[in-house]
């Protein structure tokens, strides 16, 4: 039976004819690595009025990109010593993806990666160098060779954002709107296409509701980490783009696959800050309450196994130890010399809690980190909706399969952002024209639930029941709970970002729980205790809203 999750088309009622109208050739929703790189590329293909508009829901610095500690995986060492190869990076990505990667996408992203790195260097990015002045290459989980580029040890995302942001602002024809929340994609007939994306409805705290009409829209709004109580993501990661795509009728794929990072700071009252994988690449070890390592018995790569393996290893070890094992394990960095110089951001974070990595093992526990599923795309970033592209974490491109290889996400954003931005130039249809649209939302006579309580309960239920370890009974209960909250939340019309975000979070949470319930196997980041084996044949699951 259809529910409000399946029938609600827009978050608010509106008439386009009554709202301010803005026109552009290309609209980019999101200002992380994928969105900014797409905007730069799109501006180069745009001729005529309107140019390219980039819309950010908050200040641009609050994207997941700017928060990223880890590096960028790319083959830049061919022919140097034990030189890296594209084939090796491809093989590592396929292995980590647990049989569900799209090989053509993997080959495309990996082979185009070196050119994107060279481009960043030409634009002035400040990657870390070794004593000989060459790019310093790090090692992270799941990689067979040193190939990870970092900036300031643990601040790669911040430096990457700075480089792309400055380039974007200097690119002719690009306008950036910050604190501009995108509510819903607008679809209609265009150029012989029945359900083409024509733009988006936005809200700005100063200018109110506005319609941005665009010939082409590139969705790069990031993931949905805030759906979980324990997450490394910034507060902006509420799954808005995936929910928008769902309401507009785009195909959504592989939502069961949610990556949990093995090492997040675990202190009472402290946020679950990421402790970058690069630290394990420098030699840090995972130890238990007794000070003993446990990962060597789990996987040949021990602490540097793929993330799903290390996460599961920690959870299973704690369960085996019972109460004596405590609630967390420790990351022992005492063997790393000059820790503060190599990882200044982490060192400063630890100092706030009176911890010194040279002296104190760091208490850690896995936390939600990356949304692998999302809006289904092809090799050019095109979705199943004409006029809509999706890139970065909002997309399900097939690169990551069932488990993302460390430091492939920033690489994906660079490569697929450039590809999608260039591709929009091949589909130019002339300047957009306004379309009369009238959306209504039936009035609700149901009782109210406290919005803060719904959000808190949702995040807790997702962490407990749709988190690292799952089973059918808990997943079914979670779907029931989410649909209950939806009956009393999706029926309402809110007039602020907080309400719209909670509605989006409920929508995305239901997709994750339903996908996890339907996938009766354990594969990559999806672990079912009642179905511990993998299916003989790896298959994607996908769904789109009907009607």
Foldseek 3Di string as FASTA:
>chain_A
DDALLQPVQFQAWDWQVVFAEAFAAEEEEAQALQRLLLLLLLQVLDDDPRFYEYEAQAPNCQAVLQQFQWFAFAQPFPPPDPGDDLVQQLVLLCVLLFAQFDSVLQSLLHVCLVVLVVVLVVLPQAWDADPVRHFDFFAFASHPDGGGIAHQQGRRSNSSSVSSVVSSVVRPRYHYHHSKAWTAFDFADDPNAGTAGQFTWIQHPVRGIYTYGYQFYEYEQFACQLLAPAEQHGPSHLQRLQSRCQSSWWKWWDQQQFFWAFWFFDDPPDHRHDDDRRLVRQPKAKAFPVRHGDQVVQDVVRSRHARLSNQVSFVVVCVVCDVVRPDFIFTQNLVHPPVCSNNVPVQVVQVVVPDHSNPDTGTTHIGTYARQIAGEAESQQDIPHHRYGYFARNYNHSSNNRGRGPNNRSSRSNSNSSSNSNVSSVVRDDIRDDDTDTDHADADPDDADDLVVLSVVSNHLCCVASHQEHEQVSLVVSLVSLSVVCNRLSSDRDRDPSSSSSNSNSSSSNVNSVSLNPQQADGNSRHYPNHDHHDPHDDMDMDHRDD
